[in-house]
């Protein structure tokens, strides 16, 4: 039983057909991930344009500037991930590079959600961005569940550790944010 659990989590790769299965999953999901990256990229470009055309521009205050740079950082990482995956797909036919790059992108995206949510706190908003970021990470992940679990757990702990340093003007919101984000992470980790 324990060996089956370890195989399910990806700790043991001694199954006879492991490489064949992972290569098949890679072939079946690489186009979906490319489309997901395009959606993220277009969304962030729209956000950069939207914040740039607001009165005062993207550098009116610290909060708006932070949003602007966070949007650009996700654009840059998304483009680098897409280009690297395309280059690796042509150069090497190995699924391992794809999964490593996806894990890097999903980890960055998760921590990006932490940054946006902390910036939202300064304006009285809640952890909505963190919630949908975690959902997207769980939805598009094809790497081993324990790896995504670690990424989500670390991003959640980072968010909780930094919450006190980003005061919300609406005092009662802090406790609700902590509870809501905790239960969202627990639900995702249970799947």
N, C-alpha and C. Protein backbone atom coordinates (compact mmCIF):
# COMPACT_ATOMS: atom_id res chain seq x y z
N UNK A 1 0.83 -1.20 0.00
CA UNK A 1 0.00 0.00 0.00
C UNK A 1 0.87 1.25 0.00
N UNK A 2 1.89 1.29 0.90
CA UNK A 2 2.74 2.48 0.98
C UNK A 2 3.48 2.71 -0.33
N UNK A 3 3.91 1.66 -1.01
CA UNK A 3 4.61 1.83 -2.28
C UNK A 3 3.67 2.39 -3.35
N UNK A 4 2.38 2.02 -3.30
CA UNK A 4 1.42 2.58 -4.25
C UNK A 4 1.22 4.06 -4.01
N UNK A 5 1.16 4.46 -2.73
CA UNK A 5 1.01 5.88 -2.39
C UNK A 5 2.24 6.65 -2.86
N UNK A 6 3.44 6.11 -2.64
CA UNK A 6 4.66 6.79 -3.08
C UNK A 6 4.71 6.89 -4.61
N UNK A 7 4.26 5.87 -5.30
CA UNK A 7 4.21 5.95 -6.76
C UNK A 7 3.21 6.99 -7.22
N UNK A 8 2.06 7.05 -6.56
CA UNK A 8 1.05 8.04 -6.91
C UNK A 8 1.59 9.45 -6.73
N UNK A 9 2.31 9.68 -5.66
CA UNK A 9 2.87 11.00 -5.39
C UNK A 9 4.09 11.31 -6.23
N UNK A 10 4.66 10.32 -6.88
CA UNK A 10 5.80 10.55 -7.75
C UNK A 10 7.14 10.37 -7.08
N UNK A 11 7.17 9.83 -5.87
CA UNK A 11 8.45 9.60 -5.20
C UNK A 11 9.21 8.45 -5.84
N UNK A 12 8.50 7.46 -6.29
CA UNK A 12 9.14 6.30 -6.92
C UNK A 12 8.76 6.28 -8.39
N UNK A 13 9.74 6.16 -9.19
CA UNK A 13 9.50 6.09 -10.63
C UNK A 13 9.98 4.76 -11.18
N UNK A 14 9.83 3.72 -10.37
CA UNK A 14 10.32 2.41 -10.80
C UNK A 14 9.24 1.59 -11.51
N UNK A 15 8.14 2.23 -11.89
CA UNK A 15 7.14 1.52 -12.68
C UNK A 15 7.76 1.21 -14.04
N UNK A 16 7.46 0.08 -14.60
CA UNK A 16 8.09 -0.29 -15.88
C UNK A 16 7.76 0.67 -17.02
N UNK A 17 6.58 1.24 -17.04
CA UNK A 17 6.16 2.11 -18.14
C UNK A 17 6.13 3.58 -17.75
N UNK A 18 6.85 3.97 -16.71
CA UNK A 18 6.77 5.35 -16.19
C UNK A 18 7.14 6.37 -17.27
N UNK A 19 8.24 6.17 -17.97
CA UNK A 19 8.67 7.12 -18.99
C UNK A 19 7.67 7.21 -20.15
N UNK A 20 7.09 6.10 -20.51
CA UNK A 20 6.10 6.10 -21.60
C UNK A 20 4.86 6.87 -21.17
N UNK A 21 4.41 6.65 -19.95
CA UNK A 21 3.22 7.35 -19.44
C UNK A 21 3.48 8.85 -19.36
N UNK A 22 4.62 9.25 -18.80
CA UNK A 22 4.92 10.67 -18.64
C UNK A 22 5.11 11.36 -20.00
N UNK A 23 5.70 10.65 -20.95
CA UNK A 23 5.86 11.22 -22.29
C UNK A 23 4.49 11.41 -22.94
N UNK A 24 3.60 10.45 -22.74
CA UNK A 24 2.24 10.56 -23.30
C UNK A 24 1.48 11.74 -22.69
N UNK A 25 1.60 11.90 -21.37
CA UNK A 25 0.95 13.04 -20.70
C UNK A 25 1.53 14.35 -21.23
N UNK A 26 2.84 14.38 -21.42
CA UNK A 26 3.50 15.57 -21.96
C UNK A 26 2.95 15.91 -23.35
N UNK A 27 2.85 14.91 -24.22
CA UNK A 27 2.33 15.16 -25.56
C UNK A 27 0.88 15.62 -25.53
N UNK A 28 0.10 15.07 -24.59
CA UNK A 28 -1.32 15.42 -24.51
C UNK A 28 -1.57 16.79 -23.89
N UNK A 29 -0.63 17.30 -23.09
CA UNK A 29 -0.90 18.54 -22.36
C UNK A 29 -0.08 19.74 -22.80
N UNK A 30 0.94 19.56 -23.61
CA UNK A 30 1.80 20.70 -23.93
C UNK A 30 1.06 21.80 -24.70
N UNK A 31 0.12 21.44 -25.56
CA UNK A 31 -0.64 22.46 -26.28
C UNK A 31 -1.60 23.19 -25.33
N UNK A 32 -2.20 22.45 -24.39
CA UNK A 32 -3.08 23.09 -23.41
C UNK A 32 -2.31 24.10 -22.57
N UNK A 33 -1.10 23.75 -22.21
CA UNK A 33 -0.28 24.67 -21.42
C UNK A 33 0.14 25.88 -22.23
N UNK A 34 0.41 25.69 -23.51
CA UNK A 34 0.73 26.82 -24.38
C UNK A 34 -0.45 27.78 -24.43
N UNK A 35 -1.65 27.25 -24.57
CA UNK A 35 -2.85 28.08 -24.60
C UNK A 35 -3.05 28.79 -23.25
N UNK A 36 -2.80 28.08 -22.15
CA UNK A 36 -2.92 28.70 -20.83
C UNK A 36 -1.93 29.85 -20.68
N UNK A 37 -0.71 29.66 -21.18
CA UNK A 37 0.28 30.74 -21.13
C UNK A 37 -0.16 31.93 -21.97
N UNK A 38 -0.75 31.67 -23.13
CA UNK A 38 -1.25 32.75 -23.98
C UNK A 38 -2.35 33.53 -23.26
N UNK A 39 -3.25 32.82 -22.59
CA UNK A 39 -4.34 33.48 -21.85
C UNK A 39 -3.77 34.36 -20.74
N UNK A 40 -2.81 33.83 -20.00
CA UNK A 40 -2.17 34.60 -18.93
C UNK A 40 -1.46 35.82 -19.53
N UNK A 41 -0.74 35.62 -20.61
CA UNK A 41 -0.02 36.69 -21.26
C UNK A 41 -0.95 37.80 -21.73
N UNK A 42 -2.02 37.43 -22.42
CA UNK A 42 -2.98 38.43 -22.90
C UNK A 42 -3.67 39.15 -21.74
N UNK A 43 -3.99 38.43 -20.69
CA UNK A 43 -4.62 39.05 -19.52
C UNK A 43 -3.70 40.09 -18.90
N UNK A 44 -2.44 39.76 -18.78
CA UNK A 44 -1.49 40.70 -18.17
C UNK A 44 -1.23 41.90 -19.07
N UNK A 45 -1.21 41.69 -20.37
CA UNK A 45 -1.05 42.82 -21.30
C UNK A 45 -2.24 43.76 -21.16
N UNK A 46 -3.43 43.21 -21.05
CA UNK A 46 -4.63 44.05 -20.84
C UNK A 46 -4.51 44.82 -19.53
N UNK A 47 -4.00 44.17 -18.48
CA UNK A 47 -3.85 44.84 -17.19
C UNK A 47 -2.81 45.96 -17.27
N UNK A 48 -1.71 45.75 -17.99
CA UNK A 48 -0.70 46.80 -18.17
C UNK A 48 -1.29 47.98 -18.91
N UNK A 49 -2.05 47.71 -19.95
CA UNK A 49 -2.69 48.80 -20.70
C UNK A 49 -3.70 49.52 -19.82
N UNK A 50 -4.51 48.76 -19.08
CA UNK A 50 -5.55 49.37 -18.24
C UNK A 50 -4.94 50.27 -17.16
N UNK A 51 -3.87 49.83 -16.55
CA UNK A 51 -3.27 50.65 -15.49
C UNK A 51 -2.50 51.83 -16.09
N UNK A 52 -2.02 51.68 -17.32
CA UNK A 52 -1.27 52.76 -17.96
C UNK A 52 -2.16 53.91 -18.42
N UNK A 53 -3.41 53.62 -18.79
CA UNK A 53 -4.30 54.67 -19.29
C UNK A 53 -5.12 55.34 -18.20
N UNK A 54 -4.98 54.87 -16.98
CA UNK A 54 -5.68 55.52 -15.86
C UNK A 54 -5.10 56.91 -15.63
N UNK A 55 -5.90 57.83 -15.15
CA UNK A 55 -5.37 59.17 -14.87
C UNK A 55 -4.19 59.09 -13.90
N UNK A 56 -3.09 59.70 -14.26
CA UNK A 56 -1.88 59.65 -13.45
C UNK A 56 -0.91 58.59 -13.90
N UNK A 57 -1.35 57.66 -14.72
CA UNK A 57 -0.47 56.63 -15.25
C UNK A 57 -0.09 55.57 -14.22
N UNK A 58 0.82 54.69 -14.61
CA UNK A 58 1.18 53.58 -13.72
C UNK A 58 2.08 53.99 -12.56
N UNK A 59 2.61 55.21 -12.58
CA UNK A 59 3.55 55.62 -11.54
C UNK A 59 2.98 56.72 -10.64
N UNK A 60 1.67 56.77 -10.52
CA UNK A 60 1.02 57.78 -9.70
C UNK A 60 1.34 57.60 -8.22
N UNK A 61 1.31 56.36 -7.75
CA UNK A 61 1.63 56.09 -6.34
C UNK A 61 2.34 54.73 -6.25
N UNK A 62 2.77 54.39 -5.07
CA UNK A 62 3.56 53.17 -4.88
C UNK A 62 2.73 51.92 -5.19
N UNK A 63 1.48 51.93 -4.76
CA UNK A 63 0.63 50.75 -5.02
C UNK A 63 0.45 50.51 -6.50
N UNK A 64 0.17 51.54 -7.26
CA UNK A 64 -0.04 51.39 -8.69
C UNK A 64 1.25 50.98 -9.40
N UNK A 65 2.36 51.51 -8.97
CA UNK A 65 3.65 51.13 -9.54
C UNK A 65 3.96 49.66 -9.25
N UNK A 66 3.62 49.22 -8.05
CA UNK A 66 3.83 47.81 -7.70
C UNK A 66 3.00 46.91 -8.59
N UNK A 67 1.73 47.26 -8.80
CA UNK A 67 0.91 46.48 -9.72
C UNK A 67 1.55 46.43 -11.10
N UNK A 68 1.98 47.57 -11.60
CA UNK A 68 2.57 47.68 -12.93
C UNK A 68 3.77 46.74 -13.07
N UNK A 69 4.67 46.77 -12.09
CA UNK A 69 5.85 45.90 -12.16
C UNK A 69 5.50 44.43 -11.96
N UNK A 70 4.53 44.13 -11.13
CA UNK A 70 4.11 42.74 -10.97
C UNK A 70 3.49 42.20 -12.26
N UNK A 71 2.69 43.02 -12.95
CA UNK A 71 2.13 42.60 -14.23
C UNK A 71 3.24 42.34 -15.24
N UNK A 72 4.21 43.25 -15.31
CA UNK A 72 5.32 43.06 -16.25
C UNK A 72 6.17 41.85 -15.90
N UNK A 73 6.36 41.59 -14.61
CA UNK A 73 7.17 40.43 -14.23
C UNK A 73 6.50 39.13 -14.68
N UNK A 74 5.18 39.06 -14.55
CA UNK A 74 4.48 37.85 -15.01
C UNK A 74 4.54 37.73 -16.53
N UNK A 75 4.45 38.84 -17.24
CA UNK A 75 4.58 38.82 -18.70
C UNK A 75 5.95 38.28 -19.10
N UNK A 76 6.99 38.80 -18.48
CA UNK A 76 8.36 38.39 -18.82
C UNK A 76 8.58 36.91 -18.53
N UNK A 77 8.17 36.46 -17.34
CA UNK A 77 8.36 35.05 -16.99
C UNK A 77 7.53 34.14 -17.90
N UNK A 78 6.34 34.56 -18.25
CA UNK A 78 5.49 33.78 -19.14
C UNK A 78 6.14 33.64 -20.53
N UNK A 79 6.64 34.74 -21.06
CA UNK A 79 7.28 34.71 -22.38
C UNK A 79 8.53 33.84 -22.34
N UNK A 80 9.34 34.00 -21.30
CA UNK A 80 10.57 33.18 -21.18
C UNK A 80 10.22 31.70 -21.09
N UNK A 81 9.20 31.37 -20.31
CA UNK A 81 8.78 29.97 -20.18
C UNK A 81 8.30 29.42 -21.52
N UNK A 82 7.47 30.19 -22.22
CA UNK A 82 6.95 29.73 -23.51
C UNK A 82 8.07 29.53 -24.53
N UNK A 83 8.97 30.50 -24.63
CA UNK A 83 10.06 30.40 -25.60
C UNK A 83 10.99 29.25 -25.27
N UNK A 84 11.29 29.07 -23.99
CA UNK A 84 12.17 27.97 -23.59
C UNK A 84 11.52 26.63 -23.88
N UNK A 85 10.22 26.51 -23.60
CA UNK A 85 9.53 25.25 -23.90
C UNK A 85 9.51 24.97 -25.39
N UNK A 86 9.26 25.98 -26.19
CA UNK A 86 9.25 25.78 -27.64
C UNK A 86 10.64 25.34 -28.14
N UNK A 87 11.68 25.99 -27.62
CA UNK A 87 13.04 25.65 -28.01
C UNK A 87 13.38 24.22 -27.58
N UNK A 88 13.01 23.86 -26.36
CA UNK A 88 13.30 22.50 -25.87
C UNK A 88 12.49 21.45 -26.63
N UNK A 89 11.26 21.78 -27.01
CA UNK A 89 10.44 20.82 -27.76
C UNK A 89 11.07 20.50 -29.11
N UNK A 90 11.72 21.48 -29.70
CA UNK A 90 12.36 21.23 -31.00
C UNK A 90 13.71 20.55 -30.84
N UNK A 91 14.43 20.92 -29.77
CA UNK A 91 15.78 20.41 -29.58
C UNK A 91 15.79 19.01 -28.97
N UNK A 92 15.06 18.84 -27.89
CA UNK A 92 15.07 17.57 -27.17
C UNK A 92 13.64 17.08 -27.00
N UNK A 93 13.46 15.83 -27.17
CA UNK A 93 12.13 15.24 -26.98
C UNK A 93 12.08 14.58 -25.60
N UNK A 94 12.24 15.39 -24.56
CA UNK A 94 12.28 14.87 -23.20
C UNK A 94 11.26 15.61 -22.35
N UNK A 95 10.36 14.89 -21.75
CA UNK A 95 9.30 15.49 -20.95
C UNK A 95 9.81 16.14 -19.67
N UNK A 96 10.96 15.74 -19.16
CA UNK A 96 11.46 16.24 -17.87
C UNK A 96 11.67 17.75 -17.88
N UNK A 97 12.20 18.28 -18.97
CA UNK A 97 12.42 19.72 -19.08
C UNK A 97 11.09 20.48 -19.04
N UNK A 98 10.11 19.92 -19.73
CA UNK A 98 8.78 20.55 -19.75
C UNK A 98 8.22 20.64 -18.34
N UNK A 99 8.29 19.56 -17.58
CA UNK A 99 7.75 19.54 -16.23
C UNK A 99 8.52 20.47 -15.29
N UNK A 100 9.82 20.54 -15.47
CA UNK A 100 10.61 21.47 -14.64
C UNK A 100 10.23 22.92 -14.92
N UNK A 101 10.10 23.24 -16.20
CA UNK A 101 9.70 24.61 -16.55
C UNK A 101 8.29 24.93 -16.07
N UNK A 102 7.40 23.99 -16.18
CA UNK A 102 6.03 24.21 -15.70
C UNK A 102 6.01 24.41 -14.19
N UNK A 103 6.80 23.62 -13.48
CA UNK A 103 6.87 23.79 -12.02
C UNK A 103 7.42 25.17 -11.67
N UNK A 104 8.45 25.60 -12.39
CA UNK A 104 9.00 26.94 -12.17
C UNK A 104 7.93 28.00 -12.42
N UNK A 105 7.22 27.89 -13.55
CA UNK A 105 6.20 28.89 -13.88
C UNK A 105 5.07 28.88 -12.84
N UNK A 106 4.61 27.71 -12.46
CA UNK A 106 3.51 27.62 -11.50
C UNK A 106 3.93 28.14 -10.13
N UNK A 107 5.17 27.89 -9.74
CA UNK A 107 5.67 28.43 -8.47
C UNK A 107 5.74 29.96 -8.55
N UNK A 108 6.27 30.47 -9.65
CA UNK A 108 6.33 31.93 -9.81
C UNK A 108 4.93 32.52 -9.80
N UNK A 109 4.01 31.89 -10.51
CA UNK A 109 2.63 32.38 -10.57
C UNK A 109 1.97 32.38 -9.19
N UNK A 110 2.25 31.36 -8.42
CA UNK A 110 1.71 31.28 -7.06
C UNK A 110 2.26 32.40 -6.18
N UNK A 111 3.57 32.64 -6.25
CA UNK A 111 4.18 33.71 -5.46
C UNK A 111 3.78 35.09 -6.00
N UNK A 112 3.55 35.19 -7.29
CA UNK A 112 3.04 36.42 -7.88
C UNK A 112 1.68 36.75 -7.28
N UNK A 113 0.84 35.72 -7.11
CA UNK A 113 -0.47 35.91 -6.49
C UNK A 113 -0.35 36.42 -5.05
N UNK A 114 0.68 35.97 -4.35
CA UNK A 114 0.94 36.48 -3.00
C UNK A 114 1.26 37.97 -3.06
N UNK A 115 2.14 38.35 -4.00
CA UNK A 115 2.52 39.76 -4.14
C UNK A 115 1.33 40.66 -4.47
N UNK A 116 0.51 40.22 -5.41
CA UNK A 116 -0.67 41.01 -5.78
C UNK A 116 -1.63 41.11 -4.60
N UNK A 117 -1.84 40.01 -3.89
CA UNK A 117 -2.77 40.01 -2.76
C UNK A 117 -2.30 40.91 -1.64
N UNK A 118 -0.99 40.92 -1.38
CA UNK A 118 -0.47 41.82 -0.35
C UNK A 118 -0.62 43.27 -0.77
N UNK A 119 -0.41 43.55 -2.05
CA UNK A 119 -0.62 44.92 -2.55
C UNK A 119 -2.10 45.29 -2.48
N UNK A 120 -2.98 44.33 -2.74
CA UNK A 120 -4.42 44.56 -2.61
C UNK A 120 -4.80 44.92 -1.18
N UNK A 121 -4.14 44.30 -0.22
CA UNK A 121 -4.44 44.56 1.20
C UNK A 121 -4.28 46.03 1.53
N UNK A 122 -3.30 46.67 0.92
CA UNK A 122 -3.04 48.08 1.22
C UNK A 122 -4.19 48.98 0.77
N UNK A 123 -4.99 48.50 -0.15
CA UNK A 123 -6.12 49.28 -0.64
C UNK A 123 -7.45 48.83 -0.07
N UNK A 124 -7.43 47.91 0.87
CA UNK A 124 -8.67 47.46 1.49
C UNK A 124 -9.33 46.30 0.78
N UNK A 125 -8.64 45.70 -0.19
CA UNK A 125 -9.20 44.55 -0.90
C UNK A 125 -8.89 43.26 -0.16
N UNK A 126 -9.47 42.16 -0.61
CA UNK A 126 -9.26 40.88 0.07
C UNK A 126 -8.29 40.00 -0.72
N UNK A 127 -8.29 38.72 -0.44
CA UNK A 127 -7.33 37.79 -1.05
C UNK A 127 -7.92 37.09 -2.28
N UNK A 128 -8.75 37.77 -3.01
CA UNK A 128 -9.38 37.18 -4.18
C UNK A 128 -8.34 36.74 -5.21
N UNK A 129 -7.34 37.56 -5.46
CA UNK A 129 -6.33 37.21 -6.46
C UNK A 129 -5.56 35.96 -6.03
N UNK A 130 -5.20 35.88 -4.75
CA UNK A 130 -4.49 34.70 -4.28
C UNK A 130 -5.37 33.46 -4.45
N UNK A 131 -6.65 33.60 -4.17
CA UNK A 131 -7.57 32.47 -4.28
C UNK A 131 -7.64 31.96 -5.72
N UNK A 132 -7.82 32.86 -6.69
CA UNK A 132 -7.92 32.36 -8.06
C UNK A 132 -6.57 31.94 -8.60
N UNK A 133 -5.48 32.52 -8.10
CA UNK A 133 -4.15 32.08 -8.52
C UNK A 133 -3.90 30.64 -8.10
N UNK A 134 -4.24 30.34 -6.85
CA UNK A 134 -4.06 28.97 -6.34
C UNK A 134 -4.94 28.01 -7.13
N UNK A 135 -6.15 28.42 -7.46
CA UNK A 135 -7.04 27.56 -8.25
C UNK A 135 -6.47 27.29 -9.64
N UNK A 136 -5.92 28.33 -10.27
CA UNK A 136 -5.33 28.15 -11.59
C UNK A 136 -4.12 27.23 -11.53
N UNK A 137 -3.28 27.42 -10.51
CA UNK A 137 -2.10 26.56 -10.35
C UNK A 137 -2.52 25.11 -10.22
N UNK A 138 -3.53 24.85 -9.40
CA UNK A 138 -4.00 23.48 -9.21
C UNK A 138 -4.65 22.94 -10.48
N UNK A 139 -5.34 23.79 -11.20
CA UNK A 139 -6.08 23.37 -12.40
C UNK A 139 -5.14 22.97 -13.54
N UNK A 140 -4.10 23.76 -13.78
CA UNK A 140 -3.26 23.48 -14.95
C UNK A 140 -2.02 22.66 -14.63
N UNK A 141 -1.87 22.26 -13.38
CA UNK A 141 -0.67 21.51 -12.99
C UNK A 141 -0.70 20.08 -13.53
N UNK A 142 0.44 19.67 -14.10
CA UNK A 142 0.60 18.28 -14.51
C UNK A 142 1.81 17.65 -13.86
N UNK A 143 2.45 18.39 -12.96
CA UNK A 143 3.60 17.83 -12.24
C UNK A 143 3.10 17.01 -11.06
N UNK A 144 4.01 16.31 -10.40
CA UNK A 144 3.60 15.44 -9.30
C UNK A 144 2.87 16.24 -8.22
N UNK A 145 1.83 15.65 -7.65
CA UNK A 145 1.01 16.37 -6.66
C UNK A 145 1.80 16.88 -5.46
N UNK A 146 2.81 16.14 -5.01
CA UNK A 146 3.55 16.59 -3.83
C UNK A 146 4.35 17.85 -4.14
N UNK A 147 4.79 18.03 -5.38
CA UNK A 147 5.53 19.24 -5.73
C UNK A 147 4.63 20.46 -5.72
N UNK A 148 3.45 20.33 -6.31
CA UNK A 148 2.50 21.45 -6.28
C UNK A 148 2.04 21.70 -4.86
N UNK A 149 1.87 20.64 -4.08
CA UNK A 149 1.48 20.80 -2.68
C UNK A 149 2.50 21.62 -1.90
N UNK A 150 3.78 21.35 -2.15
CA UNK A 150 4.83 22.12 -1.47
C UNK A 150 4.81 23.57 -1.92
N UNK A 151 4.64 23.80 -3.22
CA UNK A 151 4.58 25.18 -3.73
C UNK A 151 3.41 25.93 -3.09
N UNK A 152 2.24 25.31 -3.06
CA UNK A 152 1.07 25.98 -2.49
C UNK A 152 1.23 26.21 -1.00
N UNK A 153 1.81 25.26 -0.30
CA UNK A 153 2.02 25.40 1.13
C UNK A 153 3.00 26.54 1.44
N UNK A 154 4.09 26.61 0.70
CA UNK A 154 5.06 27.68 0.91
C UNK A 154 4.46 29.04 0.57
N UNK A 155 3.72 29.12 -0.53
CA UNK A 155 3.11 30.41 -0.89
C UNK A 155 2.09 30.84 0.16
N UNK A 156 1.33 29.88 0.68
CA UNK A 156 0.37 30.21 1.73
C UNK A 156 1.07 30.69 2.99
N UNK A 157 2.12 29.98 3.40
CA UNK A 157 2.85 30.40 4.60
C UNK A 157 3.48 31.78 4.42
N UNK A 158 4.01 32.05 3.24
CA UNK A 158 4.56 33.37 2.95
C UNK A 158 3.48 34.45 3.06
N UNK A 159 2.33 34.17 2.50
CA UNK A 159 1.23 35.12 2.57
C UNK A 159 0.84 35.39 4.03
N UNK A 160 0.74 34.34 4.82
CA UNK A 160 0.35 34.50 6.22
C UNK A 160 1.42 35.22 7.04
N UNK A 161 2.69 34.95 6.74
CA UNK A 161 3.76 35.61 7.47
C UNK A 161 3.85 37.10 7.13
N UNK A 162 3.51 37.45 5.89
CA UNK A 162 3.62 38.85 5.47
C UNK A 162 2.35 39.66 5.72
N UNK A 163 1.24 39.01 5.97
CA UNK A 163 -0.02 39.73 6.22
C UNK A 163 0.10 40.84 7.27
N UNK A 164 0.73 40.60 8.41
CA UNK A 164 0.79 41.66 9.42
C UNK A 164 1.53 42.92 8.97
N UNK A 165 2.40 42.79 7.96
CA UNK A 165 3.18 43.94 7.50
C UNK A 165 2.47 44.73 6.40
N UNK A 166 1.29 44.27 5.99
CA UNK A 166 0.50 44.94 4.97
C UNK A 166 -0.89 45.22 5.56
N UNK A 167 -0.96 46.26 6.34
CA UNK A 167 -2.23 46.51 7.06
C UNK A 167 -3.37 46.86 6.11
N UNK A 168 -4.49 46.29 6.41
CA UNK A 168 -5.71 46.55 5.67
C UNK A 168 -6.45 47.69 6.36
N UNK A 169 -6.86 48.72 5.60
CA UNK A 169 -7.59 49.81 6.23
C UNK A 169 -8.90 49.35 6.89
N UNK A 170 -9.43 48.24 6.43
CA UNK A 170 -10.66 47.71 7.02
C UNK A 170 -10.25 46.64 8.03
N UNK A 171 -10.16 46.99 9.29
CA UNK A 171 -9.55 46.14 10.32
C UNK A 171 -10.11 44.73 10.40
N UNK A 172 -11.41 44.53 10.27
CA UNK A 172 -12.01 43.22 10.45
C UNK A 172 -11.70 42.23 9.35
N UNK A 173 -11.14 42.70 8.26
CA UNK A 173 -10.90 41.86 7.09
C UNK A 173 -9.74 40.88 7.29
N UNK A 174 -8.75 41.22 8.11
CA UNK A 174 -7.54 40.41 8.25
C UNK A 174 -7.85 38.97 8.64
N UNK A 175 -8.64 38.78 9.67
CA UNK A 175 -8.97 37.43 10.13
C UNK A 175 -9.70 36.65 9.03
N UNK A 176 -10.65 37.29 8.38
CA UNK A 176 -11.40 36.64 7.30
C UNK A 176 -10.48 36.20 6.17
N UNK A 177 -9.52 37.05 5.81
CA UNK A 177 -8.59 36.71 4.74
C UNK A 177 -7.75 35.49 5.10
N UNK A 178 -7.27 35.46 6.33
CA UNK A 178 -6.44 34.33 6.77
C UNK A 178 -7.25 33.04 6.73
N UNK A 179 -8.46 33.07 7.26
CA UNK A 179 -9.30 31.87 7.30
C UNK A 179 -9.68 31.43 5.89
N UNK A 180 -10.10 32.36 5.05
CA UNK A 180 -10.52 32.01 3.69
C UNK A 180 -9.37 31.44 2.87
N UNK A 181 -8.21 32.06 2.93
CA UNK A 181 -7.09 31.55 2.14
C UNK A 181 -6.60 30.21 2.69
N UNK A 182 -6.67 30.02 4.01
CA UNK A 182 -6.27 28.74 4.61
C UNK A 182 -7.17 27.61 4.11
N UNK A 183 -8.49 27.84 4.13
CA UNK A 183 -9.40 26.79 3.69
C UNK A 183 -9.30 26.53 2.19
N UNK A 184 -9.02 27.55 1.41
CA UNK A 184 -8.82 27.33 -0.03
C UNK A 184 -7.60 26.46 -0.28
N UNK A 185 -6.50 26.73 0.43
CA UNK A 185 -5.31 25.89 0.26
C UNK A 185 -5.56 24.47 0.74
N UNK A 186 -6.27 24.32 1.85
CA UNK A 186 -6.57 22.98 2.37
C UNK A 186 -7.41 22.19 1.38
N UNK A 187 -8.41 22.84 0.79
CA UNK A 187 -9.27 22.16 -0.18
C UNK A 187 -8.45 21.68 -1.38
N UNK A 188 -7.56 22.56 -1.86
CA UNK A 188 -6.76 22.20 -3.03
C UNK A 188 -5.76 21.10 -2.70
N UNK A 189 -5.16 21.17 -1.53
CA UNK A 189 -4.20 20.14 -1.15
C UNK A 189 -4.87 18.78 -0.92
N UNK A 190 -6.15 18.80 -0.60
CA UNK A 190 -6.85 17.53 -0.37
C UNK A 190 -7.16 16.81 -1.68
N UNK A 191 -7.21 17.56 -2.79
CA UNK A 191 -7.47 16.92 -4.08
C UNK A 191 -6.21 16.25 -4.52
